[in-house]
Amino acid sequence: MNSLVQADRPHFGERRDPGLFEQTVPRSLVHRTAVSEVLLTGWESVHDDHRLGAQWSRAHSYYGAVDGRWHDPMLFAETIRQACLLLAHEALDVPMGSGFLTESTAFEVDEERVRLSRPARPAHVVLEMRLNHIQRRAGMVSRYGYDVVAHRDGERLGSGWLKGKCTSQTVYRRLRGDRIDARPPHTTTDPVDPRLVGRDCESDVVLGACAGAGAHPLRIVGEHPVLFDHPLDHVPGMVLMEAARQAGLLALQAPRGLLVACEARFRRYVEFDLPCLVSADEPEHDGRGRHTLTVRFLQDGFEAGTCRVAILVAVGE
């Protein structure tokens, strides 16, 4: 069976691939439209313990190499997101078409373990995941969580976790009401200079020009092939985490900085049709190049979420 046909299969949970890296998993299981955006390459499960493989390219179209030295750690965040969706469907029997909401997620990486290999080759990452915080309603899982430990070449790369909730399609539609058919706007605000946030192209920038008092409008580029790979009725968490990273780089004036940790908490949906302001608190420094700051998302008078990010800044940057 060729990979494109395989990618459309809703299940292949009985398959066991000892290498974990032979081909991508079905894109439907990780809620991706493009096969090229699927990072997971296999999994094995024993009760509540799960082992998954992921491949990180050094030349991803959006999460490319950082400063020519590191794999982008945001690949870890996306890997965790995809792994939790896959296991929700395969391990928890959450039906396709259900609504999902990440309530909180976090990751931290070891700077040395995310370095690019020489000669160049993709990173093969093994995730060890344990299921927790399961709640059910009317026989269906309504909340769940996973703890994650990642290894590369037998060495610990980092760790993370995710807590989320899910609903039936009927409940989700009722919850979202008139916003269920919302789509990203066709126009967007002018970006900050891409060079200030570690980007080359304006289309990759998710912060608008300063709105005053140090805040920036969240910039939504609905046509972006990675950030908006599939139809959505609200701003996804990965876009907010990227906005937090860019806000941190901008606040530190360190466009080549490496994001080594992020803890995100989402309290409300961030909607497409209302302005969302992104602001960064004063950074904390550890004296060894690591800077930590909290980025806040304000919409319609409420704090919709926060991301606490840690960025490693090279001496002299």
C-alpha atoms as a PDB file:
ATOM      1  CA  MET A   1       0.000   0.000   0.000  1.00  0.00           C
ATOM      2  CA  ASN A   2       1.524   3.354  -0.972  1.00  0.00           C
ATOM      3  CA  SER A   3       1.956   6.094   1.625  1.00  0.00           C
ATOM      4  CA  LEU A   4      -0.750   8.395   0.223  1.00  0.00           C
ATOM      5  CA  VAL A   5      -3.380   5.670   0.436  1.00  0.00           C
ATOM      6  CA  GLN A   6      -2.106   4.638   3.851  1.00  0.00           C
ATOM      7  CA  ALA A   7      -2.417   8.228   5.043  1.00  0.00           C
ATOM      8  CA  ASP A   8      -6.153   8.193   4.406  1.00  0.00           C
ATOM      9  CA  ARG A   9      -6.832   5.104   6.504  1.00  0.00           C
ATOM     10  CA  PRO A  10      -8.578   6.026   9.790  1.00  0.00           C
ATOM     11  CA  HIS A  11      -6.914   3.199  11.758  1.00  0.00           C
ATOM     12  CA  PHE A  12      -3.871   1.008  11.677  1.00  0.00           C
ATOM     13  CA  GLY A  13      -3.460   0.645  15.430  1.00  0.00           C
ATOM     14  CA  GLU A  14      -2.705  -3.073  15.280  1.00  0.00           C
ATOM     15  CA  ARG A  15       0.387  -2.493  13.168  1.00  0.00           C
ATOM     16  CA  ARG A  16       3.667  -2.829  15.070  1.00  0.00           C
ATOM     17  CA  ASP A  17       6.776  -1.307  13.529  1.00  0.00           C
ATOM     18  CA  PRO A  18       9.861  -2.017  15.670  1.00  0.00           C
ATOM     19  CA  GLY A  19      11.796   0.755  13.941  1.00  0.00           C
ATOM     20  CA  LEU A  20       8.999   3.312  14.395  1.00  0.00           C
ATOM     21  CA  PHE A  21      10.371   5.395  11.502  1.00  0.00           C
ATOM     22  CA  GLU A  22       9.323   3.654   8.280  1.00  0.00           C
ATOM     23  CA  GLN A  23       6.511   5.977   7.173  1.00  0.00           C
ATOM     24  CA  THR A  24       4.227   8.686   8.473  1.00  0.00           C
ATOM     25  CA  VAL A  25       1.067   7.767  10.348  1.00  0.00           C
ATOM     26  CA  PRO A  26      -2.328   8.530   8.739  1.00  0.00           C
ATOM     27  CA  ARG A  27      -2.753  12.279   8.510  1.00  0.00           C
ATOM     28  CA  SER A  28      -6.371  12.043   9.678  1.00  0.00           C
ATOM     29  CA  LEU A  29      -5.190  10.803  13.082  1.00  0.00           C
ATOM     30  CA  VAL A  30      -3.154  13.965  13.705  1.00  0.00           C
ATOM     31  CA  HIS A  31      -5.620  16.391  12.097  1.00  0.00           C
ATOM     32  CA  ARG A  32      -3.394  17.449   9.218  1.00  0.00           C
ATOM     33  CA  THR A  33      -4.346  17.960   5.593  1.00  0.00           C
ATOM     34  CA  ALA A  34      -0.846  17.808   4.102  1.00  0.00           C
ATOM     35  CA  VAL A  35       1.039  14.530   4.475  1.00  0.00           C
ATOM     36  CA  SER A  36       4.242  16.593   4.498  1.00  0.00           C
ATOM     37  CA  GLU A  37       3.175  18.145   7.819  1.00  0.00           C
ATOM     38  CA  VAL A  38       2.821  14.796   9.612  1.00  0.00           C
ATOM     39  CA  LEU A  39       5.750  14.325  12.017  1.00  0.00           C
ATOM     40  CA  LEU A  40       4.788  11.009  13.619  1.00  0.00           C
ATOM     41  CA  THR A  41       6.063   7.817  12.015  1.00  0.00           C
ATOM     42  CA  GLY A  42       4.765   4.979  14.192  1.00  0.00           C
ATOM     43  CA  TRP A  43       3.696   3.857  17.657  1.00  0.00           C
ATOM     44  CA  GLU A  44       3.517   0.943  20.073  1.00  0.00           C
ATOM     45  CA  SER A  45       1.220   0.733  23.093  1.00  0.00           C
ATOM     46  CA  VAL A  46       1.141  -1.386  26.239  1.00  0.00           C
ATOM     47  CA  HIS A  47      -1.801  -0.451  28.472  1.00  0.00           C
ATOM     48  CA  ASP A  48      -1.363   3.235  29.361  1.00  0.00           C
ATOM     49  CA  ASP A  49       2.272   3.425  28.207  1.00  0.00           C
ATOM     50  CA  HIS A  50       2.941   4.425  24.627  1.00  0.00           C
ATOM     51  CA  ARG A  51       6.064   4.687  22.500  1.00  0.00           C
ATOM     52  CA  LEU A  52       5.972   6.819  19.378  1.00  0.00           C
ATOM     53  CA  GLY A  53       8.455   7.744  16.678  1.00  0.00           C
ATOM     54  CA  ALA A  54       8.809  11.139  15.032  1.00  0.00           C
ATOM     55  CA  GLN A  55      11.131  12.473  12.370  1.00  0.00           C
ATOM     56  CA  TRP A  56      12.266  16.098  12.392  1.00  0.00           C
ATOM     57  CA  SER A  57      13.655  17.548   9.199  1.00  0.00           C
ATOM     58  CA  ARG A  58      16.294  20.246   9.455  1.00  0.00           C
ATOM     59  CA  ALA A  59      14.625  21.916   6.466  1.00  0.00           C
ATOM     60  CA  HIS A  60      10.977  22.125   7.548  1.00  0.00           C
ATOM     61  CA  SER A  61       9.198  24.812   5.549  1.00  0.00           C
ATOM     62  CA  TYR A  62       8.265  26.771   8.702  1.00  0.00           C
ATOM     63  CA  TYR A  63      10.023  25.215  11.678  1.00  0.00           C
ATOM     64  CA  GLY A  64      13.426  25.235  10.016  1.00  0.00           C
ATOM     65  CA  ALA A  65      16.890  25.334  11.551  1.00  0.00           C
ATOM     66  CA  VAL A  66      17.451  27.989  14.229  1.00  0.00           C
ATOM     67  CA  ASP A  67      20.590  30.041  13.646  1.00  0.00           C
ATOM     68  CA  GLY A  68      21.923  27.221  11.463  1.00  0.00           C
ATOM     69  CA  ARG A  69      22.704  25.210  14.615  1.00  0.00           C
ATOM     70  CA  TRP A  70      19.565  23.683  16.087  1.00  0.00           C
ATOM     71  CA  HIS A  71      16.391  21.900  15.125  1.00  0.00           C
ATOM     72  CA  ASP A  72      13.506  24.206  15.957  1.00  0.00           C
ATOM     73  CA  PRO A  73      12.154  23.128  19.375  1.00  0.00           C
ATOM     74  CA  MET A  74       8.673  24.122  18.218  1.00  0.00           C
ATOM     75  CA  LEU A  75       8.805  20.827  16.342  1.00  0.00           C
ATOM     76  CA  PHE A  76       8.621  19.209  19.787  1.00  0.00           C
ATOM     77  CA  ALA A  77       5.464  21.174  20.603  1.00  0.00           C
ATOM     78  CA  GLU A  78       3.872  20.083  17.324  1.00  0.00           C
ATOM     79  CA  THR A  79       5.002  16.486  17.886  1.00  0.00           C
ATOM     80  CA  ILE A  80       3.334  16.462  21.314  1.00  0.00           C
ATOM     81  CA  ARG A  81       0.151  17.911  19.803  1.00  0.00           C
ATOM     82  CA  GLN A  82       0.050  15.279  17.077  1.00  0.00           C
ATOM     83  CA  ALA A  83       0.862  12.450  19.507  1.00  0.00           C
ATOM     84  CA  CYS A  84      -1.944  13.407  21.861  1.00  0.00           C
ATOM     85  CA  LEU A  85      -4.473  13.533  19.032  1.00  0.00           C
ATOM     86  CA  LEU A  86      -3.355  10.178  17.666  1.00  0.00           C
ATOM     87  CA  LEU A  87      -3.569   8.523  21.082  1.00  0.00           C
ATOM     88  CA  ALA A  88      -6.923  10.158  21.803  1.00  0.00           C
ATOM     89  CA  HIS A  89      -8.310   8.405  18.735  1.00  0.00           C
ATOM     90  CA  GLU A  90      -6.377   5.137  18.970  1.00  0.00           C
ATOM     91  CA  ALA A  91      -5.968   4.572  22.719  1.00  0.00           C
ATOM     92  CA  LEU A  92      -9.065   6.346  24.054  1.00  0.00           C
ATOM     93  CA  ASP A  93     -11.448   5.664  21.151  1.00  0.00           C
ATOM     94  CA  VAL A  94     -12.387   9.320  20.742  1.00  0.00           C
ATOM     95  CA  PRO A  95     -14.361   9.408  17.458  1.00  0.00           C
ATOM     96  CA  MET A  96     -13.178  11.270  14.388  1.00  0.00           C
ATOM     97  CA  GLY A  97     -14.926  14.620  14.075  1.00  0.00           C
ATOM     98  CA  SER A  98     -14.874  15.282  17.836  1.00  0.00           C
ATOM     99  CA  GLY A  99     -13.975  18.723  19.106  1.00  0.00           C
ATOM    100  CA  PHE A 100     -10.638  19.152  20.891  1.00  0.00           C
ATOM    101  CA  LEU A 101      -9.302  21.938  23.085  1.00  0.00           C
ATOM    102  CA  THR A 102      -5.827  22.048  24.594  1.00  0.00           C
ATOM    103  CA  GLU A 103      -6.137  23.564  28.060  1.00  0.00           C
ATOM    104  CA  SER A 104      -2.419  23.572  28.854  1.00  0.00           C
ATOM    105  CA  THR A 105       0.762  22.196  27.367  1.00  0.00           C
ATOM    106  CA  ALA A 106       4.471  22.537  28.042  1.00  0.00           C
ATOM    107  CA  PHE A 107       7.846  21.348  26.838  1.00  0.00           C
ATOM    108  CA  GLU A 108      11.513  21.798  27.656  1.00  0.00           C
ATOM    109  CA  VAL A 109      14.500  20.696  25.593  1.00  0.00           C
ATOM    110  CA  ASP A 110      18.208  20.151  26.138  1.00  0.00           C
ATOM    111  CA  GLU A 111      20.158  22.602  23.990  1.00  0.00           C
ATOM    112  CA  GLU A 112      22.761  19.992  23.041  1.00  0.00           C
ATOM    113  CA  ARG A 113      20.238  17.304  22.075  1.00  0.00           C
ATOM    114  CA  VAL A 114      18.459  19.536  19.537  1.00  0.00           C
ATOM    115  CA  ARG A 115      21.672  20.431  17.693  1.00  0.00           C
ATOM    116  CA  LEU A 116      21.756  19.644  13.993  1.00  0.00           C
ATOM    117  CA  SER A 117      23.769  16.578  13.078  1.00  0.00           C
ATOM    118  CA  ARG A 118      26.914  16.744  10.999  1.00  0.00           C
ATOM    119  CA  PRO A 119      26.666  15.517   8.270  1.00  0.00           C
ATOM    120  CA  ALA A 120      23.082  16.608   7.834  1.00  0.00           C
ATOM    121  CA  ARG A 121      20.355  14.061   8.538  1.00  0.00           C
ATOM    122  CA  PRO A 122      16.887  14.209  10.099  1.00  0.00           C
ATOM    123  CA  ALA A 123      16.478  13.709  13.824  1.00  0.00           C
ATOM    124  CA  HIS A 124      14.714  10.506  14.852  1.00  0.00           C
ATOM    125  CA  VAL A 125      12.910  11.177  18.114  1.00  0.00           C
ATOM    126  CA  VAL A 126      11.312   8.553  20.351  1.00  0.00           C
ATOM    127  CA  LEU A 127       8.495   9.690  22.629  1.00  0.00           C
ATOM    128  CA  GLU A 128       7.624   7.748  25.761  1.00  0.00           C
ATOM    129  CA  MET A 129       4.150   8.809  26.827  1.00  0.00           C
ATOM    130  CA  ARG A 130       1.940   7.936  29.774  1.00  0.00           C
ATOM    131  CA  LEU A 131      -1.777   8.579  29.894  1.00  0.00           C
ATOM    132  CA  ASN A 132      -3.308  10.354  32.916  1.00  0.00           C
ATOM    133  CA  HIS A 133      -6.127  12.625  34.119  1.00  0.00           C
ATOM    134  CA  ILE A 134      -8.808  10.662  32.284  1.00  0.00           C
ATOM    135  CA  GLN A 135     -12.407  11.772  32.792  1.00  0.00           C
ATOM    136  CA  ARG A 136     -15.450  10.362  31.038  1.00  0.00           C
ATOM    137  CA  ARG A 137     -18.954  11.656  30.498  1.00  0.00           C
ATOM    138  CA  ALA A 138     -21.746   9.438  29.198  1.00  0.00           C
ATOM    139  CA  GLY A 139     -19.176   6.787  28.368  1.00  0.00           C
ATOM    140  CA  MET A 140     -17.003   9.107  26.262  1.00  0.00           C
ATOM    141  CA  VAL A 141     -13.661  10.592  27.288  1.00  0.00           C
ATOM    142  CA  SER A 142     -14.131  14.283  28.057  1.00  0.00           C
ATOM    143  CA  ARG A 143     -10.704  15.124  29.504  1.00  0.00           C
ATOM    144  CA  TYR A 144      -7.290  13.559  29.174  1.00  0.00           C
ATOM    145  CA  GLY A 145      -3.594  14.232  29.635  1.00  0.00           C
ATOM    146  CA  TYR A 146      -0.207  12.799  28.700  1.00  0.00           C
ATOM    147  CA  ASP A 147       3.261  13.134  30.152  1.00  0.00           C
ATOM    148  CA  VAL A 148       6.023  12.927  27.565  1.00  0.00           C
ATOM    149  CA  VAL A 149       9.731  12.114  27.706  1.00  0.00           C
ATOM    150  CA  ALA A 150      11.658  12.342  24.423  1.00  0.00           C
ATOM    151  CA  HIS A 151      14.942  10.689  23.439  1.00  0.00           C
ATOM    152  CA  ARG A 152      17.237  11.091  20.456  1.00  0.00           C
ATOM    153  CA  ASP A 153      19.962   8.548  19.748  1.00  0.00           C
ATOM    154  CA  GLY A 154      19.375   7.054  23.197  1.00  0.00           C
ATOM    155  CA  GLU A 155      19.880  10.379  25.012  1.00  0.00           C
ATOM    156  CA  ARG A 156      17.175  12.366  26.732  1.00  0.00           C
ATOM    157  CA  LEU A 157      16.164  15.269  24.497  1.00  0.00           C
ATOM    158  CA  GLY A 158      13.478  16.805  26.673  1.00  0.00           C
ATOM    159  CA  SER A 159      10.098  16.392  28.316  1.00  0.00           C
ATOM    160  CA  GLY A 160       6.631  17.838  28.191  1.00  0.00           C
ATOM    161  CA  TRP A 161       2.950  17.358  28.887  1.00  0.00           C
ATOM    162  CA  LEU A 162      -0.468  18.206  27.574  1.00  0.00           C
ATOM    163  CA  LYS A 163      -3.901  18.408  29.175  1.00  0.00           C
ATOM    164  CA  GLY A 164      -6.976  18.748  27.017  1.00  0.00           C
ATOM    165  CA  LYS A 165     -10.639  18.094  26.695  1.00  0.00           C
ATOM    166  CA  CYS A 166     -12.833  16.792  23.920  1.00  0.00           C
ATOM    167  CA  THR A 167     -16.524  16.803  23.075  1.00  0.00           C
ATOM    168  CA  SER A 168     -18.795  15.137  20.582  1.00  0.00           C
ATOM    169  CA  GLN A 169     -19.309  16.963  17.318  1.00  0.00           C
ATOM    170  CA  THR A 170     -22.868  17.830  18.366  1.00  0.00           C
ATOM    171  CA  VAL A 171     -21.772  19.364  21.675  1.00  0.00           C
ATOM    172  CA  TYR A 172     -18.903  21.227  19.998  1.00  0.00           C
ATOM    173  CA  ARG A 173     -21.237  22.774  17.453  1.00  0.00           C
ATOM    174  CA  ARG A 174     -23.582  23.853  20.231  1.00  0.00           C
ATOM    175  CA  LEU A 175     -20.653  25.257  22.233  1.00  0.00           C
ATOM    176  CA  ARG A 176     -19.301  27.286  19.320  1.00  0.00           C
ATOM    177  CA  GLY A 177     -22.723  28.489  18.125  1.00  0.00           C
ATOM    178  CA  ASP A 178     -22.532  30.969  15.250  1.00  0.00           C
ATOM    179  CA  ARG A 179     -18.729  30.811  15.326  1.00  0.00           C
ATOM    180  CA  ILE A 180     -18.649  27.195  14.157  1.00  0.00           C
ATOM    181  CA  ASP A 181     -18.261  28.391  10.559  1.00  0.00           C
ATOM    182  CA  ALA A 182     -15.741  31.139  11.348  1.00  0.00           C
ATOM    183  CA  ARG A 183     -12.664  31.266   9.115  1.00  0.00           C
ATOM    184  CA  PRO A 184      -9.508  33.412   9.174  1.00  0.00           C
ATOM    185  CA  PRO A 185      -9.918  36.895   7.674  1.00  0.00           C
ATOM    186  CA  HIS A 186      -8.630  37.584   4.166  1.00  0.00           C
ATOM    187  CA  THR A 187      -6.809  40.740   5.241  1.00  0.00           C
ATOM    188  CA  THR A 188      -4.292  41.142   7.995  1.00  0.00           C
ATOM    189  CA  THR A 189      -2.256  43.826   9.732  1.00  0.00           C
ATOM    190  CA  ASP A 190       1.236  44.867   8.709  1.00  0.00           C
ATOM    191  CA  PRO A 191       3.923  42.707  10.354  1.00  0.00           C
ATOM    192  CA  VAL A 192       6.872  43.678  12.470  1.00  0.00           C
ATOM    193  CA  ASP A 193      10.154  43.444  10.608  1.00  0.00           C
ATOM    194  CA  PRO A 194      10.708  39.681  10.055  1.00  0.00           C
ATOM    195  CA  ARG A 195      14.416  40.064  10.867  1.00  0.00           C
ATOM    196  CA  LEU A 196      13.530  41.102  14.426  1.00  0.00           C
ATOM    197  CA  VAL A 197      11.704  37.836  15.166  1.00  0.00           C
ATOM    198  CA  GLY A 198      13.981  35.327  13.461  1.00  0.00           C
ATOM    199  CA  ARG A 199      12.046  35.152  10.190  1.00  0.00           C
ATOM    200  CA  ASP A 200      12.872  35.831   6.554  1.00  0.00           C
ATOM    201  CA  CYS A 201       9.360  36.289   5.110  1.00  0.00           C
ATOM    202  CA  GLU A 202       6.561  38.614   6.158  1.00  0.00           C
ATOM    203  CA  SER A 203       4.045  35.796   5.690  1.00  0.00           C
ATOM    204  CA  ASP A 204       5.748  33.875   8.531  1.00  0.00           C
ATOM    205  CA  VAL A 205       5.346  36.711  11.059  1.00  0.00           C
ATOM    206  CA  VAL A 206       2.439  36.450  13.509  1.00  0.00           C
ATOM    207  CA  LEU A 207       2.952  39.797  15.275  1.00  0.00           C
ATOM    208  CA  GLY A 208       1.671  43.037  13.851  1.00  0.00           C
ATOM    209  CA  ALA A 209       3.307  46.430  14.164  1.00  0.00           C
ATOM    210  CA  CYS A 210       3.246  47.827  17.703  1.00  0.00           C
ATOM    211  CA  ALA A 211      -0.209  48.872  18.905  1.00  0.00           C
ATOM    212  CA  GLY A 212       1.159  50.989  21.763  1.00  0.00           C
ATOM    213  CA  ALA A 213       2.331  50.321  25.327  1.00  0.00           C
ATOM    214  CA  GLY A 214       4.588  47.544  24.035  1.00  0.00           C
ATOM    215  CA  ALA A 215       1.690  45.391  22.806  1.00  0.00           C
ATOM    216  CA  HIS A 216       1.380  43.943  19.318  1.00  0.00           C
ATOM    217  CA  PRO A 217      -1.753  42.744  17.545  1.00  0.00           C
ATOM    218  CA  LEU A 218      -1.846  39.049  16.812  1.00  0.00           C
ATOM    219  CA  ARG A 219      -1.346  38.738  13.060  1.00  0.00           C
ATOM    220  CA  ILE A 220      -3.389  36.016  11.361  1.00  0.00           C
ATOM    221  CA  VAL A 221      -2.302  34.803   7.931  1.00  0.00           C
ATOM    222  CA  GLY A 222      -5.127  32.436   7.072  1.00  0.00           C
ATOM    223  CA  GLU A 223      -3.508  31.294   3.824  1.00  0.00           C
ATOM    224  CA  HIS A 224      -0.369  30.085   5.591  1.00  0.00           C
ATOM    225  CA  PRO A 225       0.169  26.449   4.507  1.00  0.00           C
ATOM    226  CA  VAL A 226       1.572  25.297   7.866  1.00  0.00           C
ATOM    227  CA  LEU A 227      -0.071  27.421  10.550  1.00  0.00           C
ATOM    228  CA  PHE A 228      -3.487  26.986   8.923  1.00  0.00           C
ATOM    229  CA  ASP A 229      -3.042  23.611   7.300  1.00  0.00           C
ATOM    230  CA  HIS A 230      -6.722  22.681   7.750  1.00  0.00           C
ATOM    231  CA  PRO A 231     -10.022  24.546   8.347  1.00  0.00           C
ATOM    232  CA  LEU A 232     -10.357  25.998  11.846  1.00  0.00           C
ATOM    233  CA  ASP A 233     -12.990  28.121  13.575  1.00  0.00           C
ATOM    234  CA  HIS A 234     -10.550  29.790  16.020  1.00  0.00           C
ATOM    235  CA  VAL A 235      -6.864  30.613  16.334  1.00  0.00           C
ATOM    236  CA  PRO A 236      -4.971  27.375  17.079  1.00  0.00           C
ATOM    237  CA  GLY A 237      -2.675  26.968  20.051  1.00  0.00           C
ATOM    238  CA  MET A 238       0.393  26.462  17.875  1.00  0.00           C
ATOM    239  CA  VAL A 239      -0.094  29.943  16.400  1.00  0.00           C
ATOM    240  CA  LEU A 240      -0.327  31.428  19.896  1.00  0.00           C
ATOM    241  CA  MET A 241       2.821  29.608  20.995  1.00  0.00           C
ATOM    242  CA  GLU A 242       4.633  30.879  17.907  1.00  0.00           C
ATOM    243  CA  ALA A 243       3.411  34.393  18.703  1.00  0.00           C
ATOM    244  CA  ALA A 244       4.802  33.994  22.219  1.00  0.00           C
ATOM    245  CA  ARG A 245       8.152  32.898  20.819  1.00  0.00           C
ATOM    246  CA  GLN A 246       8.280  35.855  18.443  1.00  0.00           C
ATOM    247  CA  ALA A 247       7.230  38.260  21.202  1.00  0.00           C
ATOM    248  CA  GLY A 248      10.028  36.905  23.398  1.00  0.00           C
ATOM    249  CA  LEU A 249      12.659  37.269  20.670  1.00  0.00           C
ATOM    250  CA  LEU A 250      11.442  40.804  19.989  1.00  0.00           C
ATOM    251  CA  ALA A 251      11.468  41.803  23.672  1.00  0.00           C
ATOM    252  CA  LEU A 252      14.979  40.425  24.121  1.00  0.00           C
ATOM    253  CA  GLN A 253      16.218  41.859  20.811  1.00  0.00           C
ATOM    254  CA  ALA A 254      17.568  38.390  20.105  1.00  0.00           C
ATOM    255  CA  PRO A 255      16.223  37.134  16.738  1.00  0.00           C
ATOM    256  CA  ARG A 256      18.661  34.181  16.764  1.00  0.00           C
ATOM    257  CA  GLY A 257      17.666  33.057  20.265  1.00  0.00           C
ATOM    258  CA  LEU A 258      16.715  29.442  20.917  1.00  0.00           C
ATOM    259  CA  LEU A 259      13.363  28.688  22.553  1.00  0.00           C
ATOM    260  CA  VAL A 260      14.266  26.018  25.123  1.00  0.00           C
ATOM    261  CA  ALA A 261      11.030  25.891  27.133  1.00  0.00           C
ATOM    262  CA  CYS A 262       7.408  26.960  26.874  1.00  0.00           C
ATOM    263  CA  GLU A 263       4.407  26.509  29.157  1.00  0.00           C
ATOM    264  CA  ALA A 264       1.098  27.558  27.605  1.00  0.00           C
ATOM    265  CA  ARG A 265      -2.286  27.884  29.297  1.00  0.00           C
ATOM    266  CA  PHE A 266      -5.389  28.618  27.235  1.00  0.00           C
ATOM    267  CA  ARG A 267      -8.471  29.899  29.067  1.00  0.00           C
ATOM    268  CA  ARG A 268     -10.697  30.944  26.155  1.00  0.00           C
ATOM    269  CA  TYR A 269     -10.878  30.452  22.416  1.00  0.00           C
ATOM    270  CA  VAL A 270      -9.050  33.209  20.568  1.00  0.00           C
ATOM    271  CA  GLU A 271     -11.496  34.309  17.887  1.00  0.00           C
ATOM    272  CA  PHE A 272     -10.750  35.463  14.359  1.00  0.00           C
ATOM    273  CA  ASP A 273     -13.087  38.463  14.314  1.00  0.00           C
ATOM    274  CA  LEU A 274     -11.848  40.286  17.427  1.00  0.00           C
ATOM    275  CA  PRO A 275      -8.479  42.032  17.899  1.00  0.00           C
ATOM    276  CA  CYS A 276      -6.068  40.098  20.112  1.00  0.00           C
ATOM    277  CA  LEU A 277      -3.180  41.955  21.720  1.00  0.00           C
ATOM    278  CA  VAL A 278       0.099  40.199  22.550  1.00  0.00           C
ATOM    279  CA  SER A 279       2.267  41.641  25.319  1.00  0.00           C
ATOM    280  CA  ALA A 280       5.408  40.429  27.076  1.00  0.00           C
ATOM    281  CA  ASP A 281       6.255  40.959  30.759  1.00  0.00           C
ATOM    282  CA  GLU A 282       9.705  42.019  31.853  1.00  0.00           C
ATOM    283  CA  PRO A 283      12.182  39.158  31.327  1.00  0.00           C
ATOM    284  CA  GLU A 284      14.025  37.359  34.093  1.00  0.00           C
ATOM    285  CA  HIS A 285      17.701  36.478  33.553  1.00  0.00           C
ATOM    286  CA  ASP A 286      19.684  33.614  35.046  1.00  0.00           C
ATOM    287  CA  GLY A 287      23.080  35.112  34.215  1.00  0.00           C
ATOM    288  CA  ARG A 288      23.978  32.248  31.865  1.00  0.00           C
ATOM    289  CA  GLY A 289      22.145  33.398  28.764  1.00  0.00           C
ATOM    290  CA  ARG A 290      18.713  32.007  29.635  1.00  0.00           C
ATOM    291  CA  HIS A 291      15.884  34.551  29.718  1.00  0.00           C
ATOM    292  CA  THR A 292      12.348  33.776  30.900  1.00  0.00           C
ATOM    293  CA  LEU A 293       9.263  35.903  30.342  1.00  0.00           C
ATOM    294  CA  THR A 294       5.489  35.591  30.281  1.00  0.00           C
ATOM    295  CA  VAL A 295       3.560  36.522  27.148  1.00  0.00           C
ATOM    296  CA  ARG A 296      -0.119  37.406  27.516  1.00  0.00           C
ATOM    297  CA  PHE A 297      -2.992  37.311  25.017  1.00  0.00           C
ATOM    298  CA  LEU A 298      -5.759  39.843  25.633  1.00  0.00           C
ATOM    299  CA  GLN A 299      -9.016  39.711  23.668  1.00  0.00           C
ATOM    300  CA  ASP A 300     -12.365  41.374  24.310  1.00  0.00           C
ATOM    301  CA  GLY A 301     -11.253  42.498  27.757  1.00  0.00           C
ATOM    302  CA  PHE A 302     -10.181  39.046  28.921  1.00  0.00           C
ATOM    303  CA  GLU A 303      -6.843  37.301  29.210  1.00  0.00           C
ATOM    304  CA  ALA A 304      -7.441  34.447  26.793  1.00  0.00           C
ATOM    305  CA  GLY A 305      -4.167  32.706  27.581  1.00  0.00           C
ATOM    306  CA  THR A 306      -0.532  32.981  28.597  1.00  0.00           C
ATOM    307  CA  CYS A 307       2.743  31.443  27.479  1.00  0.00           C
ATOM    308  CA  ARG A 308       5.792  31.447  29.713  1.00  0.00           C
ATOM    309  CA  VAL A 309       8.813  31.056  27.450  1.00  0.00           C
ATOM    310  CA  ALA A 310      12.503  30.522  28.135  1.00  0.00           C
ATOM    311  CA  ILE A 311      14.940  31.654  25.440  1.00  0.00           C
ATOM    312  CA  LEU A 312      18.660  30.981  25.281  1.00  0.00           C
ATOM    313  CA  VAL A 313      20.533  34.007  23.954  1.00  0.00           C
ATOM    314  CA  ALA A 314      24.081  33.759  22.659  1.00  0.00           C
ATOM    315  CA  VAL A 315      26.631  36.053  24.277  1.00  0.00           C
ATOM    316  CA  GLY A 316      27.017  39.191  22.202  1.00  0.00           C
ATOM    317  CA  GLU A 317      23.741  38.867  20.317  1.00  0.00           C
END
